[in-house]
Amino acid sequence: MRTLRKTLATAAATVMLLAAGVVAASPASAAAYNGACGSGYSVVNSAPVRFDLGTVYLTYNSSNGYNCVVTVRTDPGFDMPMSAGLRRSGDPDSYKSDTGEYGYYAGPVYVYASGSCVDWRGLIGNQATERYETNCG
């Protein structure tokens, strides 16, 4: 009986700690940038895709004025809908995207944007991440 009480007390304490947020969950691991944009491109911004599905990376090459976007999955594997899209802010005709069924990443997509802000997005499954008017200059 004493063992049962101790087990119940331990379980109750654990539930209370979890409810109070005292026991921390392990941090989500972001999908690492994979270098898909090529040499000369540096990561200048990134955005997580919900449910830790992956990360959208915006890169820039200061020597040629091009931005590049890539959507990278946290857990590569079977093919699923993915996309990476990029445009100069306020210029819908500049929109470029790579959309398909991929197991690891979508992109790279390049747009010349020296002196401009950019809008960029990524999709994994049915979860989209979008950023508008960022990285101006």
C-alpha atoms as a PDB file:
ATOM      1  CA  MET A   1       0.000   0.000   0.000  1.00  0.00           C
ATOM      2  CA  ARG A   2       2.879   2.311   0.830  1.00  0.00           C
ATOM      3  CA  THR A   3       4.368   1.758  -2.656  1.00  0.00           C
ATOM      4  CA  LEU A   4       1.041   2.590  -4.305  1.00  0.00           C
ATOM      5  CA  ARG A   5       0.765   5.849  -2.324  1.00  0.00           C
ATOM      6  CA  LYS A   6       4.331   6.799  -3.231  1.00  0.00           C
ATOM      7  CA  THR A   7       3.698   6.066  -6.914  1.00  0.00           C
ATOM      8  CA  LEU A   8       0.480   8.103  -6.893  1.00  0.00           C
ATOM      9  CA  ALA A   9       2.190  10.980  -5.081  1.00  0.00           C
ATOM     10  CA  THR A  10       5.043  10.985  -7.597  1.00  0.00           C
ATOM     11  CA  ALA A  11       2.604  10.917 -10.514  1.00  0.00           C
ATOM     12  CA  ALA A  12       0.570  13.765  -9.017  1.00  0.00           C
ATOM     13  CA  ALA A  13       3.700  15.861  -8.462  1.00  0.00           C
ATOM     14  CA  THR A  14       4.831  15.251 -12.033  1.00  0.00           C
ATOM     15  CA  VAL A  15       1.446  16.313 -13.408  1.00  0.00           C
ATOM     16  CA  MET A  16       1.525  19.475 -11.297  1.00  0.00           C
ATOM     17  CA  LEU A  17       5.038  20.347 -12.493  1.00  0.00           C
ATOM     18  CA  LEU A  18       4.065  19.794 -16.107  1.00  0.00           C
ATOM     19  CA  ALA A  19       0.929  21.889 -15.714  1.00  0.00           C
ATOM     20  CA  ALA A  20       2.955  24.666 -14.105  1.00  0.00           C
ATOM     21  CA  GLY A  21       5.492  24.554 -16.909  1.00  0.00           C
ATOM     22  CA  VAL A  22       8.368  23.739 -14.573  1.00  0.00           C
ATOM     23  CA  VAL A  23       9.501  20.741 -16.580  1.00  0.00           C
ATOM     24  CA  ALA A  24      10.851  22.148 -19.830  1.00  0.00           C
ATOM     25  CA  ALA A  25      10.290  20.412 -23.104  1.00  0.00           C
ATOM     26  CA  SER A  26      13.307  19.789 -25.262  1.00  0.00           C
ATOM     27  CA  PRO A  27      13.865  22.663 -27.685  1.00  0.00           C
ATOM     28  CA  ALA A  28      12.732  22.217 -31.268  1.00  0.00           C
ATOM     29  CA  SER A  29      15.593  21.550 -33.619  1.00  0.00           C
ATOM     30  CA  ALA A  30      15.550  23.811 -36.645  1.00  0.00           C
ATOM     31  CA  ALA A  31      16.373  22.365 -40.020  1.00  0.00           C
ATOM     32  CA  ALA A  32      19.907  23.490 -40.845  1.00  0.00           C
ATOM     33  CA  TYR A  33      20.601  25.565 -43.950  1.00  0.00           C
ATOM     34  CA  ASN A  34      21.949  23.201 -46.578  1.00  0.00           C
ATOM     35  CA  GLY A  35      23.947  25.587 -48.783  1.00  0.00           C
ATOM     36  CA  ALA A  36      21.606  25.000 -51.735  1.00  0.00           C
ATOM     37  CA  CYS A  37      21.863  28.610 -52.958  1.00  0.00           C
ATOM     38  CA  GLY A  38      25.547  28.121 -53.692  1.00  0.00           C
ATOM     39  CA  SER A  39      28.778  29.910 -52.940  1.00  0.00           C
ATOM     40  CA  GLY A  40      28.653  33.601 -52.129  1.00  0.00           C
ATOM     41  CA  TYR A  41      25.211  33.401 -50.492  1.00  0.00           C
ATOM     42  CA  SER A  42      24.874  34.056 -46.772  1.00  0.00           C
ATOM     43  CA  VAL A  43      21.788  33.466 -44.628  1.00  0.00           C
ATOM     44  CA  VAL A  44      20.247  36.858 -43.806  1.00  0.00           C
ATOM     45  CA  ASN A  45      16.887  35.714 -42.422  1.00  0.00           C
ATOM     46  CA  SER A  46      14.951  32.571 -41.575  1.00  0.00           C
ATOM     47  CA  ALA A  47      11.478  31.569 -40.454  1.00  0.00           C
ATOM     48  CA  PRO A  48      10.240  28.322 -38.911  1.00  0.00           C
ATOM     49  CA  VAL A  49       7.470  26.287 -40.500  1.00  0.00           C
ATOM     50  CA  ARG A  50       4.799  25.349 -37.934  1.00  0.00           C
ATOM     51  CA  PHE A  51       4.954  22.099 -36.003  1.00  0.00           C
ATOM     52  CA  ASP A  52       8.747  21.995 -36.436  1.00  0.00           C
ATOM     53  CA  LEU A  53       8.318  20.768 -40.012  1.00  0.00           C
ATOM     54  CA  GLY A  54      11.266  22.809 -41.225  1.00  0.00           C
ATOM     55  CA  THR A  55      12.726  26.236 -41.853  1.00  0.00           C
ATOM     56  CA  VAL A  56      12.623  28.734 -44.712  1.00  0.00           C
ATOM     57  CA  TYR A  57      15.990  30.404 -45.322  1.00  0.00           C
ATOM     58  CA  LEU A  58      16.523  33.719 -47.099  1.00  0.00           C
ATOM     59  CA  THR A  59      20.060  34.266 -48.344  1.00  0.00           C
ATOM     60  CA  TYR A  60      21.793  37.146 -50.108  1.00  0.00           C
ATOM     61  CA  ASN A  61      24.816  37.482 -52.349  1.00  0.00           C
ATOM     62  CA  SER A  62      26.235  40.991 -51.979  1.00  0.00           C
ATOM     63  CA  SER A  63      28.483  40.602 -55.029  1.00  0.00           C
ATOM     64  CA  ASN A  64      25.598  40.110 -57.483  1.00  0.00           C
ATOM     65  CA  GLY A  65      22.565  41.607 -55.645  1.00  0.00           C
ATOM     66  CA  TYR A  66      20.499  38.408 -55.735  1.00  0.00           C
ATOM     67  CA  ASN A  67      18.438  36.961 -52.911  1.00  0.00           C
ATOM     68  CA  CYS A  68      17.740  33.241 -52.748  1.00  0.00           C
ATOM     69  CA  VAL A  69      15.170  31.275 -50.761  1.00  0.00           C
ATOM     70  CA  VAL A  70      15.154  27.595 -49.774  1.00  0.00           C
ATOM     71  CA  THR A  71      12.651  25.611 -47.680  1.00  0.00           C
ATOM     72  CA  VAL A  72      14.352  22.791 -45.736  1.00  0.00           C
ATOM     73  CA  ARG A  73      12.608  19.971 -43.875  1.00  0.00           C
ATOM     74  CA  THR A  74      13.570  19.094 -40.315  1.00  0.00           C
ATOM     75  CA  ASP A  75      13.039  15.368 -40.947  1.00  0.00           C
ATOM     76  CA  PRO A  76      13.794  14.499 -44.575  1.00  0.00           C
ATOM     77  CA  GLY A  77      12.127  11.431 -45.951  1.00  0.00           C
ATOM     78  CA  PHE A  78       9.159  10.637 -48.145  1.00  0.00           C
ATOM     79  CA  ASP A  79       8.113  13.161 -50.787  1.00  0.00           C
ATOM     80  CA  MET A  80       5.463  15.676 -49.794  1.00  0.00           C
ATOM     81  CA  PRO A  81       4.230  19.031 -51.135  1.00  0.00           C
ATOM     82  CA  MET A  82       6.862  21.717 -50.655  1.00  0.00           C
ATOM     83  CA  SER A  83       7.587  25.120 -52.088  1.00  0.00           C
ATOM     84  CA  ALA A  84       9.896  28.102 -51.842  1.00  0.00           C
ATOM     85  CA  GLY A  85       8.878  31.490 -53.254  1.00  0.00           C
ATOM     86  CA  LEU A  86      10.469  34.925 -53.532  1.00  0.00           C
ATOM     87  CA  ARG A  87       9.747  38.344 -55.057  1.00  0.00           C
ATOM     88  CA  ARG A  88      10.668  41.988 -54.761  1.00  0.00           C
ATOM     89  CA  SER A  89       8.102  43.635 -52.476  1.00  0.00           C
ATOM     90  CA  GLY A  90       5.422  45.441 -54.475  1.00  0.00           C
ATOM     91  CA  ASP A  91       6.431  43.717 -57.730  1.00  0.00           C
ATOM     92  CA  PRO A  92       4.190  40.684 -58.318  1.00  0.00           C
ATOM     93  CA  ASP A  93       5.758  40.125 -61.752  1.00  0.00           C
ATOM     94  CA  SER A  94       9.094  39.324 -60.094  1.00  0.00           C
ATOM     95  CA  TYR A  95       7.656  36.314 -58.226  1.00  0.00           C
ATOM     96  CA  LYS A  96       9.587  33.078 -58.692  1.00  0.00           C
ATOM     97  CA  SER A  97       8.868  29.759 -57.021  1.00  0.00           C
ATOM     98  CA  ASP A  98       9.799  26.121 -56.902  1.00  0.00           C
ATOM     99  CA  THR A  99       6.832  23.908 -56.076  1.00  0.00           C
ATOM    100  CA  GLY A 100       6.657  20.140 -56.118  1.00  0.00           C
ATOM    101  CA  GLU A 101       6.832  16.919 -54.126  1.00  0.00           C
ATOM    102  CA  TYR A 102      10.184  16.780 -52.348  1.00  0.00           C
ATOM    103  CA  GLY A 103      11.801  14.687 -49.648  1.00  0.00           C
ATOM    104  CA  TYR A 104      14.357  17.199 -48.359  1.00  0.00           C
ATOM    105  CA  TYR A 105      14.092  20.770 -49.670  1.00  0.00           C
ATOM    106  CA  ALA A 106      12.397  23.098 -52.167  1.00  0.00           C
ATOM    107  CA  GLY A 107      14.372  25.713 -54.058  1.00  0.00           C
ATOM    108  CA  PRO A 108      16.691  27.355 -54.594  1.00  0.00           C
ATOM    109  CA  VAL A 109      14.793  30.315 -56.052  1.00  0.00           C
ATOM    110  CA  TYR A 110      16.657  33.494 -57.054  1.00  0.00           C
ATOM    111  CA  VAL A 111      15.463  37.089 -57.543  1.00  0.00           C
ATOM    112  CA  TYR A 112      17.544  40.198 -58.130  1.00  0.00           C
ATOM    113  CA  ALA A 113      16.625  42.543 -55.283  1.00  0.00           C
ATOM    114  CA  SER A 114      19.511  44.945 -54.683  1.00  0.00           C
ATOM    115  CA  GLY A 115      18.021  48.125 -53.194  1.00  0.00           C
ATOM    116  CA  SER A 116      14.609  46.473 -52.662  1.00  0.00           C
ATOM    117  CA  CYS A 117      12.678  44.759 -49.898  1.00  0.00           C
ATOM    118  CA  VAL A 118      11.651  41.154 -50.487  1.00  0.00           C
ATOM    119  CA  ASP A 119       8.623  38.968 -49.768  1.00  0.00           C
ATOM    120  CA  TRP A 120       9.413  35.292 -49.272  1.00  0.00           C
ATOM    121  CA  ARG A 121       7.573  32.142 -48.350  1.00  0.00           C
ATOM    122  CA  GLY A 122       7.867  28.432 -47.850  1.00  0.00           C
ATOM    123  CA  LEU A 123       5.455  25.527 -47.641  1.00  0.00           C
ATOM    124  CA  ILE A 124       5.798  22.024 -46.192  1.00  0.00           C
ATOM    125  CA  GLY A 125       2.706  19.838 -46.424  1.00  0.00           C
ATOM    126  CA  ASN A 126      -0.137  22.266 -45.771  1.00  0.00           C
ATOM    127  CA  GLN A 127       1.822  24.584 -43.460  1.00  0.00           C
ATOM    128  CA  ALA A 128       2.986  27.858 -45.001  1.00  0.00           C
ATOM    129  CA  THR A 129       5.295  30.526 -43.634  1.00  0.00           C
ATOM    130  CA  GLU A 130       5.376  33.985 -45.229  1.00  0.00           C
ATOM    131  CA  ARG A 131       7.341  37.165 -44.578  1.00  0.00           C
ATOM    132  CA  TYR A 132       6.698  40.512 -46.254  1.00  0.00           C
ATOM    133  CA  GLU A 133       8.849  43.590 -46.875  1.00  0.00           C
ATOM    134  CA  THR A 134      11.959  42.290 -45.150  1.00  0.00           C
ATOM    135  CA  ASN A 135      15.681  42.701 -45.701  1.00  0.00           C
ATOM    136  CA  CYS A 136      15.348  46.039 -47.465  1.00  0.00           C
ATOM    137  CA  GLY A 137      18.406  47.474 -49.136  1.00  0.00           C
END
